[in-house]
Protein backbone atom coordinates (compact mmCIF):
# COMPACT_ATOMS: atom_id res chain seq x y z
CA UNK A 1 0.07 -0.20 -0.07
CA UNK A 2 3.00 2.22 0.74
CA UNK A 3 4.02 1.95 -3.03
CA UNK A 4 0.46 2.80 -4.25
CA UNK A 5 0.55 5.93 -2.00
CA UNK A 6 3.99 6.88 -3.46
CA UNK A 7 2.58 6.34 -6.91
CA UNK A 8 -0.44 8.16 -6.33
CA UNK A 9 1.53 11.01 -4.79
CA UNK A 10 3.66 11.33 -7.38
CA UNK A 11 1.04 11.47 -10.15
CA UNK A 12 -1.13 14.45 -8.18
CA UNK A 13 1.96 16.79 -9.45
CA UNK A 14 1.47 16.36 -13.01
CA UNK A 15 -2.28 16.43 -12.78
CA UNK A 16 -2.25 19.83 -10.93
CA UNK A 17 0.43 21.19 -13.52
CA UNK A 18 -1.85 20.44 -16.32
CA UNK A 19 -5.02 22.25 -14.79
CA UNK A 20 -2.63 25.14 -13.77
CA UNK A 21 -1.77 25.71 -17.45
CA UNK A 22 -5.05 25.06 -18.87
CA UNK A 23 -6.52 27.55 -16.24
CA UNK A 24 -4.02 29.78 -17.06
CA UNK A 25 -4.32 29.84 -20.71
CA UNK A 26 -7.84 30.09 -20.80
CA UNK A 27 -7.95 33.20 -18.65
CA UNK A 28 -5.69 34.93 -21.17
CA UNK A 29 -7.67 33.73 -24.20
CA UNK A 30 -11.02 35.05 -22.59
CA UNK A 31 -12.09 38.63 -23.31
CA UNK A 32 -11.83 41.16 -20.53
CA UNK A 33 -8.63 43.09 -19.04
CA UNK A 34 -8.35 42.75 -15.26
CA UNK A 35 -6.63 46.26 -15.73
CA UNK A 36 -9.58 48.00 -17.25
CA UNK A 37 -12.02 46.37 -14.64
CA UNK A 38 -9.51 47.96 -12.03
CA UNK A 39 -9.22 51.32 -13.52
CA UNK A 40 -12.87 52.01 -14.13
CA UNK A 41 -14.97 53.29 -16.92
CA UNK A 42 -13.43 56.70 -16.98
CA UNK A 43 -10.03 55.67 -17.45
CA UNK A 44 -7.60 56.81 -20.12
CA UNK A 45 -5.56 54.27 -21.73
CA UNK A 46 -2.39 55.58 -20.30
CA UNK A 47 -4.09 54.56 -16.60
CA UNK A 48 -4.67 51.20 -18.09
CA UNK A 49 -1.23 50.41 -19.38
CA UNK A 50 -0.12 51.75 -16.10
CA UNK A 51 -2.03 49.45 -14.02
CA UNK A 52 -1.13 46.52 -16.48
CA UNK A 53 2.52 47.17 -15.91
CA UNK A 54 2.07 47.35 -12.13
CA UNK A 55 0.19 44.00 -12.08
CA UNK A 56 2.72 42.09 -14.37
CA UNK A 57 0.27 41.60 -17.39
CA UNK A 58 2.31 43.27 -20.06
CA UNK A 59 5.15 40.55 -19.77
CA UNK A 60 4.85 37.72 -22.13
CA UNK A 61 2.73 34.96 -21.26
CA UNK A 62 5.23 32.51 -20.85
CA UNK A 63 7.17 34.68 -18.27
CA UNK A 64 3.87 35.48 -16.56
CA UNK A 65 3.19 31.71 -16.19
CA UNK A 66 6.68 30.57 -14.96
CA UNK A 67 6.59 33.66 -12.60
CA UNK A 68 3.32 32.44 -10.94
CA UNK A 69 4.37 28.77 -10.97
CA UNK A 70 7.65 29.54 -9.26
CA UNK A 71 5.61 31.47 -6.44
CA UNK A 72 3.04 28.59 -6.18
CA UNK A 73 5.84 25.84 -5.56
CA UNK A 74 7.10 28.14 -2.67
CA UNK A 75 3.58 28.00 -1.41
CA UNK A 76 2.22 31.40 -2.49
CA UNK A 77 -0.87 31.17 -4.44
CA UNK A 78 -0.51 34.98 -5.30
CA UNK A 79 -1.92 38.46 -4.21
CA UNK A 80 -5.67 39.27 -5.11
CA UNK A 81 -6.22 42.07 -7.43
CA UNK A 82 -9.15 43.29 -6.08
CA UNK A 83 -9.24 42.02 -2.07
CA UNK A 84 -5.72 43.29 -2.13
CA UNK A 85 -4.42 40.47 0.25
CA UNK A 86 -3.05 37.04 0.03
CA UNK A 87 -5.34 34.13 -2.00
CA UNK A 88 -4.10 31.87 0.66
CA UNK A 89 -5.56 34.29 3.18
CA UNK A 90 -8.86 34.57 1.43
CA UNK A 91 -9.19 30.67 0.70
CA UNK A 92 -8.98 30.08 4.61
CA UNK A 93 -11.18 32.86 5.48
CA UNK A 94 -14.08 31.23 3.20
CA UNK A 95 -13.07 27.82 3.70
CA UNK A 96 -15.37 27.00 6.74
CA UNK A 97 -18.96 27.70 4.71
CA UNK A 98 -17.85 25.34 2.22
CA UNK A 99 -16.69 22.53 3.98
CA UNK A 100 -19.81 22.85 6.37
CA UNK A 101 -22.30 22.60 3.26
CA UNK A 102 -20.26 20.02 1.86
CA UNK A 103 -19.76 17.72 4.92
CA UNK A 104 -23.25 18.20 5.78
CA UNK A 105 -24.65 17.50 2.26
CA UNK A 106 -22.55 14.29 2.18
CA UNK A 107 -23.78 13.16 5.46
CA UNK A 108 -27.31 13.79 4.84
CA UNK A 109 -27.30 12.54 1.11
CA UNK A 110 -25.73 8.94 2.44
CA UNK A 111 -28.39 8.57 5.26
CA UNK A 112 -31.28 8.97 2.76
CA UNK A 113 -29.58 7.54 -0.42
CA UNK A 114 -28.31 4.09 0.79
CA UNK A 115 -31.54 3.13 2.94
CA UNK A 116 -33.56 4.02 0.14
CA UNK A 117 -31.61 1.99 -2.47
CA UNK A 118 -31.45 -1.04 -0.16
CA UNK A 119 -35.09 -0.77 0.16
CA UNK A 120 -35.74 -0.65 -3.50
CA UNK A 121 -33.55 -3.57 -4.20
CA UNK A 122 -35.42 -5.63 -1.46
CA UNK A 123 -38.73 -4.84 -3.29
CA UNK A 124 -37.30 -5.27 -7.05
CA UNK A 125 -39.97 -4.83 -9.25
CA UNK A 126 -42.52 -3.71 -6.87
CA UNK A 127 -44.41 -0.38 -6.46
CA UNK A 128 -42.24 0.73 -3.74
CA UNK A 129 -39.15 0.26 -6.08
CA UNK A 130 -40.68 2.06 -9.00
CA UNK A 131 -41.70 4.89 -6.82
CA UNK A 132 -38.36 5.35 -5.37
CA UNK A 133 -36.58 5.00 -8.67
CA UNK A 134 -39.12 7.12 -10.31
CA UNK A 135 -38.41 9.94 -7.61
CA UNK A 136 -34.67 9.61 -8.20
CA UNK A 137 -34.98 10.19 -11.73
CA UNK A 138 -36.79 13.53 -11.04
CA UNK A 139 -34.59 14.33 -8.34
CA UNK A 140 -31.47 13.89 -10.46
CA UNK A 141 -33.02 15.88 -13.63
CA UNK A 142 -34.10 18.75 -11.78
CA UNK A 143 -31.28 21.56 -11.84
CA UNK A 144 -29.63 22.62 -8.49
CA UNK A 145 -30.75 26.52 -9.10
CA UNK A 146 -34.35 25.30 -9.77
CA UNK A 147 -34.38 23.20 -6.70
CA UNK A 148 -33.10 25.74 -4.77
CA UNK A 149 -35.68 28.47 -5.52
CA UNK A 150 -38.28 26.06 -4.88
CA UNK A 151 -36.74 25.55 -1.54
CA UNK A 152 -36.54 29.50 -0.71
CA UNK A 153 -40.07 29.77 -2.01
CA UNK A 154 -41.48 26.84 0.24
CA UNK A 155 -39.65 26.69 3.37
CA UNK A 156 -38.65 30.22 3.58
CA UNK A 157 -41.43 32.41 2.10
CA UNK A 158 -44.72 29.95 2.39
CA UNK A 159 -43.81 28.32 5.62
CA UNK A 160 -41.35 30.78 7.05
CA UNK A 161 -39.26 27.85 9.06
CA UNK A 162 -35.81 28.32 7.53
CA UNK A 163 -33.72 31.46 6.84
CA UNK A 164 -33.32 32.03 2.79
CA UNK A 165 -29.77 33.49 2.83
CA UNK A 166 -26.69 34.07 4.93
CA UNK A 167 -24.37 31.78 6.91
CA UNK A 168 -23.73 31.61 10.80
CA UNK A 169 -20.43 30.44 11.78
CA UNK A 170 -20.41 27.26 14.23
CA UNK A 171 -18.70 29.29 16.83
CA UNK A 172 -21.46 31.50 16.89
CA UNK A 173 -23.92 28.73 17.94
CA UNK A 174 -24.73 25.01 16.74
CA UNK A 175 -28.51 25.74 16.30
CA UNK A 176 -28.01 29.03 14.16
CA UNK A 177 -25.30 27.19 11.95
CA UNK A 178 -27.81 24.02 11.25
CA UNK A 179 -30.70 26.46 10.41
CA UNK A 180 -28.57 28.17 7.76
CA UNK A 181 -27.08 25.03 6.39
CA UNK A 182 -30.62 23.06 6.02
CA UNK A 183 -31.74 24.57 2.82
CA UNK A 184 -28.33 24.45 0.95
CA UNK A 185 -27.80 21.02 1.87
CA UNK A 186 -31.40 19.87 1.18
CA UNK A 187 -30.87 21.43 -2.24
CA UNK A 188 -27.55 19.64 -3.01
CA UNK A 189 -28.94 16.66 -1.38
CA UNK A 190 -31.79 16.08 -4.03
CA UNK A 191 -29.69 15.62 -6.91
CA UNK A 192 -26.78 13.66 -5.28
CA UNK A 193 -29.07 11.21 -3.19
CA UNK A 194 -30.99 10.23 -6.31
CA UNK A 195 -27.90 9.50 -7.89
CA UNK A 196 -26.54 7.34 -5.10
CA UNK A 197 -29.81 5.59 -4.42
CA UNK A 198 -29.98 4.25 -8.03
CA UNK A 199 -26.36 3.06 -7.83
CA UNK A 200 -27.24 1.50 -4.51
CA UNK A 201 -30.27 -0.15 -5.80
CA UNK A 202 -28.32 -1.94 -8.86
CA UNK A 203 -25.52 -2.70 -6.67
CA UNK A 204 -27.72 -4.52 -3.74
CA UNK A 205 -29.97 -5.96 -6.54
CA UNK A 206 -26.99 -7.76 -8.27
CA UNK A 207 -25.69 -8.81 -4.70
CA UNK A 208 -29.01 -10.34 -3.79
CA UNK A 209 -28.57 -12.72 -7.00
CA UNK A 210 -25.61 -14.30 -5.62
CA UNK A 211 -25.19 -17.84 -4.17
CA UNK A 212 -23.96 -16.35 -0.67
CA UNK A 213 -27.39 -14.53 -0.40
CA UNK A 214 -29.55 -17.59 -1.09
CA UNK A 215 -27.52 -19.75 1.35
CA UNK A 216 -27.74 -17.15 4.06
CA UNK A 217 -31.61 -17.27 3.27
CA UNK A 218 -31.65 -21.07 3.45
CA UNK A 219 -30.08 -20.84 6.83
CA UNK A 220 -32.89 -18.69 8.07
CA UNK A 221 -30.96 -15.45 8.56
CA UNK A 222 -33.40 -12.33 9.15
CA UNK A 223 -34.18 -10.38 5.99
CA UNK A 224 -32.84 -7.14 7.35
CA UNK A 225 -29.51 -8.71 8.75
CA UNK A 226 -29.16 -10.52 5.07
CA UNK A 227 -29.52 -7.23 3.40
CA UNK A 228 -27.10 -5.32 5.52
CA UNK A 229 -24.39 -7.54 6.33
CA UNK A 230 -24.05 -9.66 3.10
CA UNK A 231 -25.60 -7.96 0.01
CA UNK A 232 -25.02 -4.21 1.19
CA UNK A 233 -21.28 -5.32 2.36
CA UNK A 234 -20.45 -7.16 -0.75
CA UNK A 235 -21.86 -4.07 -2.71
CA UNK A 236 -20.26 -1.53 -0.98
CA UNK A 237 -17.25 -0.91 -3.28
CA UNK A 238 -19.28 0.35 -6.12
CA UNK A 239 -21.54 2.45 -3.69
CA UNK A 240 -18.31 3.97 -2.32
CA UNK A 241 -17.12 4.93 -5.56
CA UNK A 242 -20.35 6.90 -6.51
CA UNK A 243 -19.90 8.66 -3.34
CA UNK A 244 -16.37 9.70 -3.85
CA UNK A 245 -17.58 10.99 -7.30
CA UNK A 246 -20.30 13.04 -5.75
CA UNK A 247 -18.04 14.55 -3.02
CA UNK A 248 -15.93 15.65 -6.10
CA UNK A 249 -19.22 16.86 -7.97
CA UNK A 250 -19.85 18.94 -4.95
CA UNK A 251 -17.35 21.57 -6.08
CA UNK A 252 -19.64 22.60 -8.97
CA UNK A 253 -22.71 22.51 -6.78
CA UNK A 254 -21.33 24.35 -4.13
CA UNK A 255 -20.65 27.29 -6.67
CA UNK A 256 -24.24 27.70 -7.58
CA UNK A 257 -25.77 26.79 -4.12
CA UNK A 258 -23.49 29.50 -2.59
CA UNK A 259 -24.75 32.16 -4.83
CA UNK A 260 -28.57 31.23 -4.55
CA UNK A 261 -28.06 31.29 -0.65
CA UNK A 262 -25.55 34.14 -0.55
CA UNK A 263 -23.11 32.00 1.52
CA UNK A 264 -19.53 33.70 2.00
CA UNK A 265 -17.60 30.47 0.97
CA UNK A 266 -15.48 29.20 -1.72
CA UNK A 267 -18.03 29.07 -4.15
CA UNK A 268 -19.07 32.60 -3.86
CA UNK A 269 -15.60 33.61 -3.95
CA UNK A 270 -15.01 31.96 -7.08
CA UNK A 271 -18.17 33.87 -8.73
CA UNK A 272 -16.71 37.07 -7.75
CA UNK A 273 -13.40 36.25 -8.85
CA UNK A 274 -14.35 35.48 -12.15
CA UNK A 275 -16.63 38.34 -12.65
CA UNK A 276 -13.90 40.87 -11.67
CA UNK A 277 -11.27 39.11 -13.71
CA UNK A 278 -9.08 38.33 -10.53
CA UNK A 279 -6.71 36.11 -12.20
CA UNK A 280 -4.39 34.79 -9.27
CA UNK A 281 -7.78 34.39 -7.18
CA UNK A 282 -9.42 32.49 -9.86
CA UNK A 283 -5.98 30.40 -10.30
CA UNK A 284 -5.55 29.62 -6.54
CA UNK A 285 -9.23 28.55 -6.12
CA UNK A 286 -8.96 26.28 -9.29
CA UNK A 287 -6.08 24.68 -7.80
CA UNK A 288 -7.01 24.03 -4.50
CA UNK A 289 -10.36 22.44 -5.71
CA UNK A 290 -8.23 20.46 -7.99
CA UNK A 291 -6.22 19.30 -4.98
CA UNK A 292 -9.37 18.54 -3.08
CA UNK A 293 -10.71 16.30 -5.97
CA UNK A 294 -7.34 14.35 -6.29
CA UNK A 295 -7.33 13.94 -2.21
CA UNK A 296 -11.10 12.57 -2.38
CA UNK A 297 -10.23 10.31 -5.19
CA UNK A 298 -7.28 8.70 -3.28
CA UNK A 299 -9.33 8.33 0.08
CA UNK A 300 -11.90 6.47 -2.01
CA UNK A 301 -9.08 3.93 -3.57
CA UNK A 302 -7.85 3.40 0.20
CA UNK A 303 -11.44 2.52 1.20
CA UNK A 304 -11.52 -0.11 -1.03
CA UNK A 305 -9.05 -1.98 1.16
CA UNK A 306 -11.50 -1.81 4.14
CA UNK A 307 -14.65 -2.55 2.25
CA UNK A 308 -13.12 -5.60 0.32
CA UNK A 309 -10.10 -7.20 1.75
CA UNK A 310 -9.73 -9.11 -1.35
CA UNK A 311 -8.48 -5.91 -2.85
CA UNK A 312 -4.61 -5.47 -2.64
CA UNK A 313 -2.50 -2.37 -4.26
């Protein structure tokens, strides 16, 4: 396993480098000039050129890239054009809301999706199975922003149960923290629970056709125990895989959700950085998200060792 970790660790560097190159080039190829945005509408050409020189944007693209890459290798993600502070500090300030939304969404999604998938598999072909699978198709088909506005309309505007926007840090109280997380997490969980429930149902249904399940039933083992300790345990690898992919997919979902609910996390920060053409901030956040994606995939691969002892790296 140590060799596996070393190989994956060495493979991480080229992935991040490729991401850095692509993002850097795409930002320079898209229309818009950060210097013009900073200077304002009434600025002269000379003012814009002076700001470009101050930001180093007048240098060749290759020189800009290697200069930025050199700072990154030293642990410096750059300095935000518009926030006038370190990109690393900005990420640290906005990290808690994003991690809170993502972690709570994963917990809620797993608690909903896995039992529903197992229940559907145990009633394969029945009305309950068809209802759960139909609901999962609907949940996966609804865009995040549509689900978000529906949640606000129902739970905030009509029922008045939950706040529609904002975020309370956990240090300010667990109750307010959970109340502000409820709607964003439900919004994201609707889509990801639908996906995980379908995969769980398929994996458990396949496991239920195996000989060891028939043997367990012949021995008189209770149905719930057979489903959880035999079928679900042997179907855990594909379920863990789709949960890991869902966690990685939360990166895009969080951007939309934080914008809808005005949560001051990395998603909202990403939108602000793109709108203001803040090159260092966009590049730093993208690298950070890419690193999270790689780490999540690594953790999923390592979880296979616990879920299926037959797997060896």
